[in-house]
Amino acid sequence: MTAGAAPKPKRVDPKIVRLENDAAWSEAITNFLLDGAVKDLSVLLTSSRPIPQFARRFLSEVLEGAIELPDRRGKNNRALTPRERAEAISQLWALWSRTLCVLAHSDQIADELGKEVIEIKRYLEQVRREGIERIAARYGVSPHTVRQLHDARETAGWVTHFGVGSLDQARALMKYPDLFFGLTE
């Protein structure tokens, strides 16, 4: 190569590009079928990306009525995409498991801080409310929508299975409250 000459562009493997394109279409179609989420599908249809044969066939069958879509009557209209919903649920789980860690050690924490246990519990409720508000703000939905995603029984089950964090972890959470929101930022 001579000085000043432009480097040769790298050749992109068309098989990899095709697989990535097919994966995006597959995910969009799956989200549409399972959750009624049309946003990803709409974005792909209006983009310059090529439409794979299986996606053409699927769209044709939907328009012809060969594929019967699930009855959506009575279902809530989710403002979250399936991916956002999964992220919000994992953030809620992290928040709840951290607050459960402190609750499990609330007697020791209260003694060390010279507070009543009820004060610790009230503080943790405030932390949970703030966490829900942060998650809601991140995704542009109401706190009520985020609260509906949380399944306290499931979180309690996971915590029972894996155990709560240590007393040292609970102390760190109380000393550095931003740790409660580590995954919500």
C-alpha atoms as a PDB file:
ATOM      1  CA  MET A   1       0.000   0.000   0.000  1.00  0.00           C
ATOM      2  CA  THR A   2       1.374   3.412  -0.937  1.00  0.00           C
ATOM      3  CA  ALA A   3       1.444   6.368   1.408  1.00  0.00           C
ATOM      4  CA  GLY A   4      -1.825   8.291   1.312  1.00  0.00           C
ATOM      5  CA  ALA A   5      -3.794   5.444  -0.273  1.00  0.00           C
ATOM      6  CA  ALA A   6      -7.059   4.545   1.410  1.00  0.00           C
ATOM      7  CA  PRO A   7      -7.122   1.179   3.158  1.00  0.00           C
ATOM      8  CA  LYS A   8      -9.074  -1.560   1.462  1.00  0.00           C
ATOM      9  CA  PRO A   9     -12.538  -1.938   3.023  1.00  0.00           C
ATOM     10  CA  LYS A  10     -13.176  -5.163   4.900  1.00  0.00           C
ATOM     11  CA  ARG A  11     -15.474  -7.593   3.212  1.00  0.00           C
ATOM     12  CA  VAL A  12     -18.625  -8.294   5.203  1.00  0.00           C
ATOM     13  CA  ASP A  13     -19.784 -11.875   5.190  1.00  0.00           C
ATOM     14  CA  PRO A  14     -23.290 -11.831   3.658  1.00  0.00           C
ATOM     15  CA  LYS A  15     -24.288 -14.944   5.641  1.00  0.00           C
ATOM     16  CA  ILE A  16     -23.733 -13.122   8.943  1.00  0.00           C
ATOM     17  CA  VAL A  17     -25.696 -10.083   7.747  1.00  0.00           C
ATOM     18  CA  ARG A  18     -28.529 -12.360   6.623  1.00  0.00           C
ATOM     19  CA  LEU A  19     -28.602 -14.222   9.948  1.00  0.00           C
ATOM     20  CA  GLU A  20     -28.721 -10.947  11.915  1.00  0.00           C
ATOM     21  CA  ASN A  21     -31.516  -9.677   9.675  1.00  0.00           C
ATOM     22  CA  ASP A  22     -33.447 -12.946  10.024  1.00  0.00           C
ATOM     23  CA  ALA A  23     -33.021 -12.854  13.828  1.00  0.00           C
ATOM     24  CA  ALA A  24     -34.447  -9.327  13.986  1.00  0.00           C
ATOM     25  CA  TRP A  25     -37.449 -10.368  11.909  1.00  0.00           C
ATOM     26  CA  SER A  26     -37.949 -13.550  13.977  1.00  0.00           C
ATOM     27  CA  GLU A  27     -37.908 -11.561  17.221  1.00  0.00           C
ATOM     28  CA  ALA A  28     -40.347  -8.984  15.845  1.00  0.00           C
ATOM     29  CA  ILE A  29     -42.759 -11.670  14.625  1.00  0.00           C
ATOM     30  CA  THR A  30     -42.543 -13.554  17.924  1.00  0.00           C
ATOM     31  CA  ASN A  31     -43.234 -10.367  19.918  1.00  0.00           C
ATOM     32  CA  PHE A  32     -46.191  -9.658  17.653  1.00  0.00           C
ATOM     33  CA  LEU A  33     -47.659 -13.134  18.087  1.00  0.00           C
ATOM     34  CA  LEU A  34     -47.080 -13.460  21.831  1.00  0.00           C
ATOM     35  CA  ASP A  35     -47.629  -9.921  23.081  1.00  0.00           C
ATOM     36  CA  GLY A  36     -49.332  -8.106  20.240  1.00  0.00           C
ATOM     37  CA  ALA A  37     -46.322  -5.759  20.094  1.00  0.00           C
ATOM     38  CA  VAL A  38     -46.302  -4.220  16.623  1.00  0.00           C
ATOM     39  CA  LYS A  39     -43.572  -1.596  17.120  1.00  0.00           C
ATOM     40  CA  ASP A  40     -40.576  -3.796  16.179  1.00  0.00           C
ATOM     41  CA  LEU A  41     -42.399  -5.239  13.189  1.00  0.00           C
ATOM     42  CA  SER A  42     -43.457  -1.791  12.032  1.00  0.00           C
ATOM     43  CA  VAL A  43     -39.909  -0.444  12.318  1.00  0.00           C
ATOM     44  CA  LEU A  44     -38.559  -3.323  10.229  1.00  0.00           C
ATOM     45  CA  LEU A  45     -41.266  -2.903   7.577  1.00  0.00           C
ATOM     46  CA  THR A  46     -40.478   0.785   7.146  1.00  0.00           C
ATOM     47  CA  SER A  47     -36.697   0.296   7.169  1.00  0.00           C
ATOM     48  CA  SER A  48     -34.517  -0.429   4.168  1.00  0.00           C
ATOM     49  CA  ARG A  49     -33.722  -3.929   5.464  1.00  0.00           C
ATOM     50  CA  PRO A  50     -34.660  -6.749   3.106  1.00  0.00           C
ATOM     51  CA  ILE A  51     -37.688  -8.793   4.093  1.00  0.00           C
ATOM     52  CA  PRO A  52     -36.805 -12.495   4.431  1.00  0.00           C
ATOM     53  CA  GLN A  53     -39.003 -15.056   2.730  1.00  0.00           C
ATOM     54  CA  PHE A  54     -40.395 -16.444   5.999  1.00  0.00           C
ATOM     55  CA  ALA A  55     -41.462 -12.928   7.070  1.00  0.00           C
ATOM     56  CA  ARG A  56     -43.159 -12.344   3.706  1.00  0.00           C
ATOM     57  CA  ARG A  57     -44.996 -15.644   4.089  1.00  0.00           C
ATOM     58  CA  PHE A  58     -46.032 -14.795   7.666  1.00  0.00           C
ATOM     59  CA  LEU A  59     -47.342 -11.334   6.732  1.00  0.00           C
ATOM     60  CA  SER A  60     -49.214 -12.799   3.767  1.00  0.00           C
ATOM     61  CA  GLU A  61     -50.861 -15.433   5.961  1.00  0.00           C
ATOM     62  CA  VAL A  62     -51.843 -12.823   8.565  1.00  0.00           C
ATOM     63  CA  LEU A  63     -53.427 -10.611   5.915  1.00  0.00           C
ATOM     64  CA  GLU A  64     -55.253 -13.556   4.321  1.00  0.00           C
ATOM     65  CA  GLY A  65     -56.506 -14.729   7.719  1.00  0.00           C
ATOM     66  CA  ALA A  66     -54.686 -18.067   7.558  1.00  0.00           C
ATOM     67  CA  ILE A  67     -52.980 -17.298  10.880  1.00  0.00           C
ATOM     68  CA  GLU A  68     -55.489 -16.647  13.624  1.00  0.00           C
ATOM     69  CA  LEU A  69     -54.173 -14.070  16.039  1.00  0.00           C
ATOM     70  CA  PRO A  70     -54.958 -14.503  19.744  1.00  0.00           C
ATOM     71  CA  ASP A  71     -58.038 -12.730  21.072  1.00  0.00           C
ATOM     72  CA  ARG A  72     -56.752  -9.527  22.671  1.00  0.00           C
ATOM     73  CA  ARG A  73     -60.068  -8.393  24.147  1.00  0.00           C
ATOM     74  CA  GLY A  74     -59.809  -7.696  27.847  1.00  0.00           C
ATOM     75  CA  LYS A  75     -56.023  -7.568  27.735  1.00  0.00           C
ATOM     76  CA  ASN A  76     -54.256  -4.478  28.925  1.00  0.00           C
ATOM     77  CA  ASN A  77     -52.518  -2.423  26.294  1.00  0.00           C
ATOM     78  CA  ARG A  78     -48.899  -2.571  27.274  1.00  0.00           C
ATOM     79  CA  ALA A  79     -46.853   0.504  26.666  1.00  0.00           C
ATOM     80  CA  LEU A  80     -43.687  -1.565  27.115  1.00  0.00           C
ATOM     81  CA  THR A  81     -42.119  -3.706  24.455  1.00  0.00           C
ATOM     82  CA  PRO A  82     -41.404  -7.283  25.536  1.00  0.00           C
ATOM     83  CA  ARG A  83     -37.695  -6.460  25.908  1.00  0.00           C
ATOM     84  CA  GLU A  84     -38.426  -3.379  28.051  1.00  0.00           C
ATOM     85  CA  ARG A  85     -40.869  -5.410  30.116  1.00  0.00           C
ATOM     86  CA  ALA A  86     -38.223  -8.068  30.818  1.00  0.00           C
ATOM     87  CA  GLU A  87     -35.677  -5.385  31.758  1.00  0.00           C
ATOM     88  CA  ALA A  88     -38.131  -3.676  34.107  1.00  0.00           C
ATOM     89  CA  ILE A  89     -39.001  -6.991  35.760  1.00  0.00           C
ATOM     90  CA  SER A  90     -35.325  -7.788  36.356  1.00  0.00           C
ATOM     91  CA  GLN A  91     -34.776  -4.310  37.813  1.00  0.00           C
ATOM     92  CA  LEU A  92     -37.758  -4.786  40.117  1.00  0.00           C
ATOM     93  CA  TRP A  93     -36.425  -8.154  41.200  1.00  0.00           C
ATOM     94  CA  ALA A  94     -33.037  -6.619  42.008  1.00  0.00           C
ATOM     95  CA  LEU A  95     -34.654  -3.809  43.995  1.00  0.00           C
ATOM     96  CA  TRP A  96     -36.918  -6.185  45.942  1.00  0.00           C
ATOM     97  CA  SER A  97     -34.171  -8.688  46.688  1.00  0.00           C
ATOM     98  CA  ARG A  98     -31.953  -5.904  48.040  1.00  0.00           C
ATOM     99  CA  THR A  99     -34.698  -4.504  50.238  1.00  0.00           C
ATOM    100  CA  LEU A 100     -35.525  -8.037  51.427  1.00  0.00           C
ATOM    101  CA  CYS A 101     -31.877  -8.442  52.383  1.00  0.00           C
ATOM    102  CA  VAL A 102     -32.118  -5.411  54.665  1.00  0.00           C
ATOM    103  CA  LEU A 103     -35.506  -6.527  56.012  1.00  0.00           C
ATOM    104  CA  ALA A 104     -34.084  -9.928  56.913  1.00  0.00           C
ATOM    105  CA  HIS A 105     -31.457  -8.195  59.052  1.00  0.00           C
ATOM    106  CA  SER A 106     -33.641  -5.287  60.182  1.00  0.00           C
ATOM    107  CA  ASP A 107     -33.304  -6.124  63.898  1.00  0.00           C
ATOM    108  CA  GLN A 108     -29.497  -5.950  63.811  1.00  0.00           C
ATOM    109  CA  ILE A 109     -29.491  -2.911  61.507  1.00  0.00           C
ATOM    110  CA  ALA A 110     -31.954  -1.063  63.761  1.00  0.00           C
ATOM    111  CA  ASP A 111     -29.836  -1.805  66.847  1.00  0.00           C
ATOM    112  CA  GLU A 112     -26.654  -0.635  65.115  1.00  0.00           C
ATOM    113  CA  LEU A 113     -28.265   2.593  63.870  1.00  0.00           C
ATOM    114  CA  GLY A 114     -30.151   3.264  67.108  1.00  0.00           C
ATOM    115  CA  LYS A 115     -33.514   3.207  65.322  1.00  0.00           C
ATOM    116  CA  GLU A 116     -36.719   1.266  65.653  1.00  0.00           C
ATOM    117  CA  VAL A 117     -37.361  -1.623  63.259  1.00  0.00           C
ATOM    118  CA  ILE A 118     -40.491   0.144  61.982  1.00  0.00           C
ATOM    119  CA  GLU A 119     -38.338   3.098  60.906  1.00  0.00           C
ATOM    120  CA  ILE A 120     -36.174   0.758  58.847  1.00  0.00           C
ATOM    121  CA  LYS A 121     -39.289  -0.782  57.271  1.00  0.00           C
ATOM    122  CA  ARG A 122     -40.732   2.643  56.426  1.00  0.00           C
ATOM    123  CA  TYR A 123     -37.424   3.666  54.897  1.00  0.00           C
ATOM    124  CA  LEU A 124     -37.383   0.538  52.740  1.00  0.00           C
ATOM    125  CA  GLU A 125     -40.937   1.210  51.556  1.00  0.00           C
ATOM    126  CA  GLN A 126     -39.766   4.688  50.532  1.00  0.00           C
ATOM    127  CA  VAL A 127     -36.805   3.120  48.695  1.00  0.00           C
ATOM    128  CA  ARG A 128     -39.180   0.773  46.856  1.00  0.00           C
ATOM    129  CA  ARG A 129     -41.491   3.632  45.862  1.00  0.00           C
ATOM    130  CA  GLU A 130     -38.531   5.648  44.589  1.00  0.00           C
ATOM    131  CA  GLY A 131     -37.215   2.625  42.675  1.00  0.00           C
ATOM    132  CA  ILE A 132     -40.595   2.081  41.026  1.00  0.00           C
ATOM    133  CA  GLU A 133     -40.736   5.761  40.070  1.00  0.00           C
ATOM    134  CA  ARG A 134     -37.234   5.604  38.575  1.00  0.00           C
ATOM    135  CA  ILE A 135     -38.078   2.521  36.522  1.00  0.00           C
ATOM    136  CA  ALA A 136     -41.340   4.112  35.358  1.00  0.00           C
ATOM    137  CA  ALA A 137     -39.520   7.302  34.337  1.00  0.00           C
ATOM    138  CA  ARG A 138     -36.886   5.312  32.458  1.00  0.00           C
ATOM    139  CA  TYR A 139     -39.502   3.615  30.272  1.00  0.00           C
ATOM    140  CA  GLY A 140     -42.007   6.479  30.125  1.00  0.00           C
ATOM    141  CA  VAL A 141     -44.839   4.594  31.839  1.00  0.00           C
ATOM    142  CA  SER A 142     -46.790   5.155  35.035  1.00  0.00           C
ATOM    143  CA  PRO A 143     -45.618   3.745  38.369  1.00  0.00           C
ATOM    144  CA  HIS A 144     -48.844   1.718  38.398  1.00  0.00           C
ATOM    145  CA  THR A 145     -47.759  -0.063  35.202  1.00  0.00           C
ATOM    146  CA  VAL A 146     -44.426  -0.931  36.816  1.00  0.00           C
ATOM    147  CA  ARG A 147     -46.116  -2.128  40.020  1.00  0.00           C
ATOM    148  CA  GLN A 148     -48.232  -4.523  37.956  1.00  0.00           C
ATOM    149  CA  LEU A 149     -45.063  -6.205  36.694  1.00  0.00           C
ATOM    150  CA  HIS A 150     -43.880  -7.142  40.175  1.00  0.00           C
ATOM    151  CA  ASP A 151     -44.777 -10.545  41.535  1.00  0.00           C
ATOM    152  CA  ALA A 152     -43.872 -10.491  45.230  1.00  0.00           C
ATOM    153  CA  ARG A 153     -44.488 -14.219  45.611  1.00  0.00           C
ATOM    154  CA  GLU A 154     -41.993 -15.008  42.863  1.00  0.00           C
ATOM    155  CA  THR A 155     -39.342 -12.741  44.400  1.00  0.00           C
ATOM    156  CA  ALA A 156     -39.918 -14.237  47.839  1.00  0.00           C
ATOM    157  CA  GLY A 157     -39.601 -17.700  46.299  1.00  0.00           C
ATOM    158  CA  TRP A 158     -36.274 -16.874  44.667  1.00  0.00           C
ATOM    159  CA  VAL A 159     -34.984 -15.309  47.864  1.00  0.00           C
ATOM    160  CA  THR A 160     -36.097 -18.369  49.834  1.00  0.00           C
ATOM    161  CA  HIS A 161     -34.321 -20.609  47.337  1.00  0.00           C
ATOM    162  CA  PHE A 162     -31.088 -18.615  47.101  1.00  0.00           C
ATOM    163  CA  GLY A 163     -31.182 -17.009  50.549  1.00  0.00           C
ATOM    164  CA  VAL A 164     -30.997 -13.367  51.472  1.00  0.00           C
ATOM    165  CA  GLY A 165     -27.804 -11.407  51.385  1.00  0.00           C
ATOM    166  CA  SER A 166     -25.437 -11.227  54.303  1.00  0.00           C
ATOM    167  CA  LEU A 167     -25.574  -8.783  57.186  1.00  0.00           C
ATOM    168  CA  ASP A 168     -22.556  -7.037  55.652  1.00  0.00           C
ATOM    169  CA  GLN A 169     -24.480  -6.560  52.410  1.00  0.00           C
ATOM    170  CA  ALA A 170     -27.432  -5.138  54.360  1.00  0.00           C
ATOM    171  CA  ARG A 171     -25.106  -2.744  56.194  1.00  0.00           C
ATOM    172  CA  ALA A 172     -23.595  -1.606  52.882  1.00  0.00           C
ATOM    173  CA  LEU A 173     -27.058  -0.995  51.412  1.00  0.00           C
ATOM    174  CA  MET A 174     -28.034   1.149  54.381  1.00  0.00           C
ATOM    175  CA  LYS A 175     -24.731   3.032  54.329  1.00  0.00           C
ATOM    176  CA  TYR A 176     -24.789   3.623  50.560  1.00  0.00           C
ATOM    177  CA  PRO A 177     -28.481   3.849  49.514  1.00  0.00           C
ATOM    178  CA  ASP A 178     -27.607   4.295  45.827  1.00  0.00           C
ATOM    179  CA  LEU A 179     -26.752   0.583  45.801  1.00  0.00           C
ATOM    180  CA  PHE A 180     -30.487  -0.156  45.954  1.00  0.00           C
ATOM    181  CA  PHE A 181     -30.849   1.356  42.492  1.00  0.00           C
ATOM    182  CA  GLY A 182     -27.763  -0.112  40.862  1.00  0.00           C
ATOM    183  CA  LEU A 183     -29.631  -1.740  37.981  1.00  0.00           C
ATOM    184  CA  THR A 184     -32.233   0.955  37.459  1.00  0.00           C
ATOM    185  CA  GLU A 185     -29.875   3.678  36.269  1.00  0.00           C
END
